[in-house]
Amino acid sequence: QVQLAESGGGSVQTGGSLRLSCAPSTVPYPKYCMGWFRQAPGKQREVVARIDSHGTTTYAASVKDRFTISHDDTENTLYLQMNSLKPEDSATYYCAALFVGYISETYCAQTRETTFRYWGQGTQVAVSL
């Protein structure tokens, strides 16, 4: 069973930066689609960014040009660099992943949230004025 361990959340002021990390306990297949999701109190969970083993990235419009998703293939660790943080970015952030033997170049961007098999427990991000 794959477990995802997240770290890096915390409290910052508006305009600050944080970097989230997510490391799987094991990697059952070599190809992946991984993403960051977030859920604010009283709101639905939403996708923030995704990346696949081709290196293709996609972002929610609300975070584009402020957040950067990346994956270190040597360490098998997923990152989310968050800059210019705003109060509306406050949420619990979740790492999610699926691992397969083959992945097309368009699969990750189109895959549904429910397709992600593995989820982290979440890390809190709080941005104050």
N, C-alpha and C. Protein backbone atom coordinates (compact mmCIF):
# COMPACT_ATOMS: atom_id res chain seq x y z
N GLN A 1 0.84 -1.19 0.00
CA GLN A 1 0.00 0.00 0.00
C GLN A 1 0.88 1.25 0.00
N VAL A 2 0.58 2.15 -0.89
CA VAL A 2 1.35 3.38 -0.98
C VAL A 2 0.82 4.40 0.01
N GLN A 3 1.71 4.98 0.76
CA GLN A 3 1.33 6.07 1.65
C GLN A 3 2.06 7.33 1.20
N LEU A 4 1.35 8.45 1.24
CA LEU A 4 1.93 9.74 0.84
C LEU A 4 2.13 10.59 2.09
N ALA A 5 3.34 11.02 2.29
CA ALA A 5 3.67 11.83 3.46
C ALA A 5 3.92 13.27 3.03
N GLU A 6 3.05 14.16 3.51
CA GLU A 6 3.17 15.58 3.16
C GLU A 6 3.87 16.34 4.27
N SER A 7 4.50 17.42 3.89
CA SER A 7 5.11 18.32 4.86
C SER A 7 5.22 19.70 4.25
N GLY A 8 5.48 20.68 5.10
CA GLY A 8 5.75 22.02 4.61
C GLY A 8 4.68 23.05 4.83
N GLY A 9 3.54 22.66 5.34
CA GLY A 9 2.49 23.64 5.60
C GLY A 9 2.87 24.55 6.75
N GLY A 10 2.08 25.59 6.95
CA GLY A 10 2.34 26.52 8.03
C GLY A 10 1.56 27.79 7.88
N SER A 11 1.96 28.79 8.64
CA SER A 11 1.29 30.09 8.63
C SER A 11 2.24 31.15 8.10
N VAL A 12 1.74 31.96 7.18
CA VAL A 12 2.53 33.05 6.62
C VAL A 12 1.65 34.26 6.43
N GLN A 13 2.27 35.39 6.23
CA GLN A 13 1.53 36.60 5.92
C GLN A 13 1.32 36.72 4.42
N THR A 14 0.38 37.54 4.04
CA THR A 14 0.11 37.79 2.62
C THR A 14 1.40 38.19 1.92
N GLY A 15 1.61 37.56 0.78
CA GLY A 15 2.83 37.82 0.01
C GLY A 15 3.96 36.87 0.31
N GLY A 16 3.80 36.06 1.34
CA GLY A 16 4.84 35.12 1.73
C GLY A 16 4.88 33.89 0.85
N SER A 17 5.81 33.00 1.20
CA SER A 17 6.01 31.78 0.41
C SER A 17 6.08 30.57 1.32
N LEU A 18 5.67 29.44 0.77
CA LEU A 18 5.80 28.15 1.43
C LEU A 18 6.11 27.11 0.36
N ARG A 19 6.78 26.05 0.78
CA ARG A 19 6.99 24.93 -0.14
C ARG A 19 6.48 23.65 0.52
N LEU A 20 5.57 23.00 -0.17
CA LEU A 20 5.03 21.73 0.29
C LEU A 20 5.79 20.58 -0.36
N SER A 21 5.92 19.50 0.38
CA SER A 21 6.58 18.30 -0.14
C SER A 21 5.68 17.09 0.07
N CYS A 22 5.83 16.12 -0.79
CA CYS A 22 5.04 14.89 -0.70
C CYS A 22 5.90 13.75 -1.17
N ALA A 23 6.12 12.77 -0.30
CA ALA A 23 6.96 11.63 -0.64
C ALA A 23 6.17 10.34 -0.49
N PRO A 24 6.09 9.52 -1.53
CA PRO A 24 5.42 8.23 -1.41
C PRO A 24 6.30 7.22 -0.68
N SER A 25 5.67 6.31 0.04
CA SER A 25 6.42 5.28 0.77
C SER A 25 7.04 4.28 -0.20
N THR A 26 6.40 4.08 -1.33
CA THR A 26 6.90 3.21 -2.37
C THR A 26 6.30 3.63 -3.70
N VAL A 27 6.92 3.22 -4.77
CA VAL A 27 6.44 3.56 -6.11
C VAL A 27 6.19 2.25 -6.86
N PRO A 28 4.93 1.83 -6.98
CA PRO A 28 4.64 0.52 -7.56
C PRO A 28 4.83 0.43 -9.07
N TYR A 29 4.69 1.55 -9.77
CA TYR A 29 4.86 1.57 -11.21
C TYR A 29 5.66 2.82 -11.59
N PRO A 30 6.37 2.78 -12.71
CA PRO A 30 7.31 3.87 -12.99
C PRO A 30 6.70 5.19 -13.46
N LYS A 31 5.50 5.14 -14.03
CA LYS A 31 4.88 6.36 -14.53
C LYS A 31 3.86 6.88 -13.53
N TYR A 32 3.68 8.17 -13.53
CA TYR A 32 2.81 8.74 -12.50
C TYR A 32 2.06 9.96 -13.00
N CYS A 33 0.98 10.21 -12.34
CA CYS A 33 0.28 11.49 -12.39
C CYS A 33 0.10 11.87 -10.93
N MET A 34 0.62 13.02 -10.56
CA MET A 34 0.53 13.46 -9.17
C MET A 34 -0.01 14.88 -9.13
N GLY A 35 -0.64 15.20 -8.04
CA GLY A 35 -1.23 16.52 -7.97
C GLY A 35 -1.37 17.03 -6.55
N TRP A 36 -1.64 18.30 -6.48
CA TRP A 36 -1.97 18.95 -5.22
C TRP A 36 -3.42 19.45 -5.31
N PHE A 37 -4.16 19.15 -4.27
CA PHE A 37 -5.53 19.62 -4.15
C PHE A 37 -5.62 20.41 -2.85
N ARG A 38 -6.67 21.21 -2.73
CA ARG A 38 -6.87 21.93 -1.47
C ARG A 38 -8.34 22.03 -1.16
N GLN A 39 -8.60 22.14 0.13
CA GLN A 39 -9.98 22.29 0.59
C GLN A 39 -10.03 23.29 1.73
N ALA A 40 -10.76 24.35 1.50
CA ALA A 40 -10.97 25.36 2.53
C ALA A 40 -12.24 25.00 3.31
N PRO A 41 -12.35 25.46 4.54
CA PRO A 41 -13.55 25.15 5.34
C PRO A 41 -14.83 25.57 4.62
N GLY A 42 -15.77 24.67 4.54
CA GLY A 42 -17.05 24.96 3.91
C GLY A 42 -17.04 24.94 2.40
N LYS A 43 -15.92 24.57 1.81
CA LYS A 43 -15.82 24.56 0.36
C LYS A 43 -15.46 23.16 -0.13
N GLN A 44 -15.71 22.94 -1.41
CA GLN A 44 -15.35 21.66 -2.01
C GLN A 44 -13.84 21.61 -2.27
N ARG A 45 -13.33 20.41 -2.29
CA ARG A 45 -11.92 20.23 -2.62
C ARG A 45 -11.72 20.59 -4.08
N GLU A 46 -10.63 21.26 -4.37
CA GLU A 46 -10.35 21.69 -5.74
C GLU A 46 -8.90 21.36 -6.10
N VAL A 47 -8.69 21.15 -7.38
CA VAL A 47 -7.34 20.87 -7.85
C VAL A 47 -6.53 22.16 -7.88
N VAL A 48 -5.29 22.07 -7.50
CA VAL A 48 -4.38 23.21 -7.54
C VAL A 48 -3.42 23.06 -8.72
N ALA A 49 -2.79 21.90 -8.81
CA ALA A 49 -1.81 21.67 -9.88
C ALA A 49 -1.58 20.18 -10.04
N ARG A 50 -1.14 19.80 -11.24
CA ARG A 50 -0.82 18.40 -11.52
C ARG A 50 0.47 18.35 -12.31
N ILE A 51 1.12 17.19 -12.21
CA ILE A 51 2.32 16.93 -13.00
C ILE A 51 2.37 15.45 -13.30
N ASP A 52 2.89 15.11 -14.47
CA ASP A 52 3.01 13.69 -14.80
C ASP A 52 4.46 13.36 -15.11
N SER A 53 4.71 12.09 -15.38
CA SER A 53 6.08 11.65 -15.60
C SER A 53 6.66 12.13 -16.91
N HIS A 54 5.82 12.76 -17.77
CA HIS A 54 6.36 13.42 -18.97
C HIS A 54 6.90 14.81 -18.62
N GLY A 55 6.55 15.28 -17.41
CA GLY A 55 6.93 16.63 -17.02
C GLY A 55 5.88 17.67 -17.36
N THR A 56 4.74 17.21 -17.84
CA THR A 56 3.65 18.12 -18.19
C THR A 56 2.96 18.60 -16.92
N THR A 57 2.76 19.90 -16.84
CA THR A 57 2.12 20.49 -15.67
C THR A 57 0.85 21.23 -16.06
N THR A 58 -0.10 21.24 -15.15
CA THR A 58 -1.31 22.04 -15.33
C THR A 58 -1.61 22.71 -14.00
N TYR A 59 -2.23 23.89 -14.08
CA TYR A 59 -2.51 24.69 -12.89
C TYR A 59 -3.94 25.21 -12.92
N ALA A 60 -4.48 25.39 -11.73
CA ALA A 60 -5.73 26.11 -11.62
C ALA A 60 -5.46 27.58 -11.95
N ALA A 61 -6.43 28.24 -12.54
CA ALA A 61 -6.24 29.63 -12.95
C ALA A 61 -5.89 30.52 -11.75
N SER A 62 -6.42 30.18 -10.59
CA SER A 62 -6.23 31.01 -9.41
C SER A 62 -4.80 30.99 -8.88
N VAL A 63 -4.01 30.00 -9.28
CA VAL A 63 -2.66 29.90 -8.75
C VAL A 63 -1.59 30.03 -9.83
N LYS A 64 -2.00 30.05 -11.07
CA LYS A 64 -1.03 30.12 -12.15
C LYS A 64 -0.17 31.36 -11.99
N ASP A 65 1.10 31.22 -12.27
CA ASP A 65 2.10 32.29 -12.16
C ASP A 65 2.50 32.59 -10.72
N ARG A 66 1.87 31.91 -9.75
CA ARG A 66 2.29 32.08 -8.35
C ARG A 66 2.81 30.76 -7.77
N PHE A 67 2.23 29.65 -8.19
CA PHE A 67 2.60 28.34 -7.67
C PHE A 67 3.36 27.56 -8.75
N THR A 68 4.28 26.73 -8.31
CA THR A 68 5.01 25.86 -9.23
C THR A 68 5.03 24.44 -8.68
N ILE A 69 4.55 23.51 -9.47
CA ILE A 69 4.60 22.10 -9.10
C ILE A 69 5.81 21.48 -9.78
N SER A 70 6.49 20.60 -9.04
CA SER A 70 7.65 19.93 -9.61
C SER A 70 7.79 18.55 -8.97
N HIS A 71 8.60 17.72 -9.61
CA HIS A 71 8.81 16.37 -9.11
C HIS A 71 10.28 16.03 -9.27
N ASP A 72 10.88 15.61 -8.18
CA ASP A 72 12.27 15.17 -8.22
C ASP A 72 12.26 13.66 -8.45
N ASP A 73 12.61 13.25 -9.66
CA ASP A 73 12.55 11.83 -10.01
C ASP A 73 13.58 11.01 -9.25
N THR A 74 14.66 11.63 -8.83
CA THR A 74 15.69 10.89 -8.08
C THR A 74 15.19 10.56 -6.68
N GLU A 75 14.56 11.55 -6.06
CA GLU A 75 14.06 11.36 -4.70
C GLU A 75 12.61 10.92 -4.66
N ASN A 76 11.96 10.85 -5.83
CA ASN A 76 10.53 10.49 -5.88
C ASN A 76 9.71 11.37 -4.96
N THR A 77 9.97 12.66 -5.01
CA THR A 77 9.28 13.60 -4.15
C THR A 77 8.59 14.67 -4.99
N LEU A 78 7.37 14.96 -4.61
CA LEU A 78 6.56 15.98 -5.26
C LEU A 78 6.66 17.27 -4.44
N TYR A 79 6.73 18.39 -5.13
CA TYR A 79 6.81 19.68 -4.47
C TYR A 79 5.74 20.64 -5.00
N LEU A 80 5.39 21.59 -4.16
CA LEU A 80 4.56 22.71 -4.59
C LEU A 80 5.17 23.96 -3.98
N GLN A 81 5.79 24.77 -4.81
CA GLN A 81 6.33 26.05 -4.37
C GLN A 81 5.22 27.09 -4.50
N MET A 82 4.88 27.71 -3.40
CA MET A 82 3.79 28.68 -3.38
C MET A 82 4.35 30.05 -3.04
N ASN A 83 4.26 30.96 -3.98
CA ASN A 83 4.74 32.33 -3.79
C ASN A 83 3.57 33.30 -3.83
N SER A 84 3.81 34.50 -3.37
CA SER A 84 2.78 35.56 -3.38
C SER A 84 1.47 35.04 -2.81
N LEU A 85 1.54 34.42 -1.67
CA LEU A 85 0.36 33.81 -1.07
C LEU A 85 -0.67 34.85 -0.67
N LYS A 86 -1.93 34.46 -0.82
CA LYS A 86 -3.06 35.32 -0.49
C LYS A 86 -3.91 34.64 0.57
N PRO A 87 -4.70 35.39 1.30
CA PRO A 87 -5.58 34.77 2.30
C PRO A 87 -6.50 33.70 1.70
N GLU A 88 -6.91 33.89 0.48
CA GLU A 88 -7.79 32.91 -0.16
C GLU A 88 -7.08 31.60 -0.50
N ASP A 89 -5.77 31.56 -0.34
CA ASP A 89 -5.03 30.30 -0.52
C ASP A 89 -5.06 29.45 0.74
N SER A 90 -5.59 29.99 1.83
CA SER A 90 -5.66 29.24 3.08
C SER A 90 -6.55 28.02 2.90
N ALA A 91 -6.03 26.86 3.25
CA ALA A 91 -6.77 25.61 3.07
C ALA A 91 -5.92 24.46 3.60
N THR A 92 -6.53 23.29 3.61
CA THR A 92 -5.75 22.08 3.82
C THR A 92 -5.34 21.57 2.44
N TYR A 93 -4.07 21.36 2.26
CA TYR A 93 -3.54 20.92 0.97
C TYR A 93 -3.25 19.43 1.02
N TYR A 94 -3.72 18.75 -0.03
CA TYR A 94 -3.57 17.30 -0.13
C TYR A 94 -2.73 16.93 -1.34
N CYS A 95 -1.86 15.99 -1.14
CA CYS A 95 -1.11 15.40 -2.23
C CYS A 95 -1.87 14.16 -2.70
N ALA A 96 -1.90 13.94 -4.01
CA ALA A 96 -2.56 12.77 -4.56
C ALA A 96 -1.72 12.18 -5.67
N ALA A 97 -1.87 10.86 -5.88
CA ALA A 97 -1.03 10.21 -6.87
C ALA A 97 -1.70 8.99 -7.46
N LEU A 98 -1.33 8.70 -8.69
CA LEU A 98 -1.61 7.40 -9.28
C LEU A 98 -0.36 6.97 -10.02
N PHE A 99 -0.13 5.68 -9.99
CA PHE A 99 1.07 5.12 -10.61
C PHE A 99 0.65 4.05 -11.61
N VAL A 100 1.21 4.12 -12.80
CA VAL A 100 0.85 3.18 -13.87
C VAL A 100 2.10 2.78 -14.63
N GLY A 101 1.94 1.75 -15.49
CA GLY A 101 3.06 1.33 -16.29
C GLY A 101 3.26 2.20 -17.52
N TYR A 102 2.16 2.80 -17.99
CA TYR A 102 2.21 3.68 -19.15
C TYR A 102 1.23 4.82 -18.92
N ILE A 103 1.61 6.02 -19.37
CA ILE A 103 0.71 7.16 -19.26
C ILE A 103 0.85 8.01 -20.51
N SER A 104 -0.28 8.36 -21.12
CA SER A 104 -0.23 9.21 -22.30
C SER A 104 0.06 10.65 -21.88
N GLU A 105 0.39 11.46 -22.86
CA GLU A 105 0.76 12.85 -22.55
C GLU A 105 -0.43 13.71 -22.15
N THR A 106 -1.63 13.23 -22.40
CA THR A 106 -2.80 14.03 -22.06
C THR A 106 -3.57 13.47 -20.88
N TYR A 107 -3.21 12.29 -20.42
CA TYR A 107 -4.02 11.61 -19.41
C TYR A 107 -4.11 12.39 -18.10
N CYS A 108 -2.99 12.86 -17.62
CA CYS A 108 -2.96 13.47 -16.30
C CYS A 108 -3.81 14.73 -16.24
N ALA A 109 -3.72 15.55 -17.27
CA ALA A 109 -4.47 16.81 -17.26
C ALA A 109 -5.97 16.57 -17.28
N GLN A 110 -6.37 15.42 -17.83
CA GLN A 110 -7.80 15.15 -18.00
C GLN A 110 -8.36 14.25 -16.91
N THR A 111 -7.50 13.65 -16.11
CA THR A 111 -7.99 12.64 -15.18
C THR A 111 -8.82 13.26 -14.08
N ARG A 112 -9.85 12.54 -13.68
CA ARG A 112 -10.74 13.03 -12.63
C ARG A 112 -10.08 12.90 -11.26
N GLU A 113 -10.54 13.72 -10.35
CA GLU A 113 -10.04 13.67 -8.98
C GLU A 113 -10.23 12.27 -8.39
N THR A 114 -11.33 11.64 -8.71
CA THR A 114 -11.63 10.32 -8.15
C THR A 114 -10.71 9.23 -8.69
N THR A 115 -9.99 9.51 -9.74
CA THR A 115 -9.08 8.52 -10.30
C THR A 115 -7.79 8.41 -9.50
N PHE A 116 -7.45 9.45 -8.78
CA PHE A 116 -6.23 9.39 -7.97
C PHE A 116 -6.43 8.37 -6.88
N ARG A 117 -5.56 7.36 -6.86
CA ARG A 117 -5.75 6.24 -5.94
C ARG A 117 -5.21 6.53 -4.55
N TYR A 118 -4.15 7.30 -4.49
CA TYR A 118 -3.48 7.50 -3.21
C TYR A 118 -3.56 8.97 -2.79
N TRP A 119 -3.84 9.18 -1.51
CA TRP A 119 -3.99 10.53 -0.98
C TRP A 119 -3.20 10.68 0.32
N GLY A 120 -2.63 11.85 0.50
CA GLY A 120 -2.00 12.16 1.76
C GLY A 120 -3.04 12.61 2.77
N GLN A 121 -2.61 12.82 3.99
CA GLN A 121 -3.53 13.20 5.04
C GLN A 121 -3.78 14.70 5.10
N GLY A 122 -3.01 15.45 4.37
CA GLY A 122 -3.24 16.89 4.30
C GLY A 122 -2.31 17.68 5.19
N THR A 123 -1.98 18.87 4.73
CA THR A 123 -1.16 19.79 5.50
C THR A 123 -1.81 21.17 5.41
N GLN A 124 -1.86 21.86 6.53
CA GLN A 124 -2.59 23.12 6.60
C GLN A 124 -1.72 24.29 6.18
N VAL A 125 -2.34 25.16 5.41
CA VAL A 125 -1.71 26.42 5.01
C VAL A 125 -2.62 27.55 5.44
N ALA A 126 -2.09 28.48 6.19
CA ALA A 126 -2.87 29.63 6.66
C ALA A 126 -2.16 30.91 6.26
N VAL A 127 -2.86 31.76 5.56
CA VAL A 127 -2.28 33.02 5.09
C VAL A 127 -3.05 34.16 5.72
N SER A 128 -2.37 34.99 6.49
CA SER A 128 -3.01 36.10 7.17
C SER A 128 -2.72 37.41 6.46
N LEU A 129 -3.57 38.39 6.75
CA LEU A 129 -3.41 39.71 6.12
C LEU A 129 -2.18 40.42 6.64
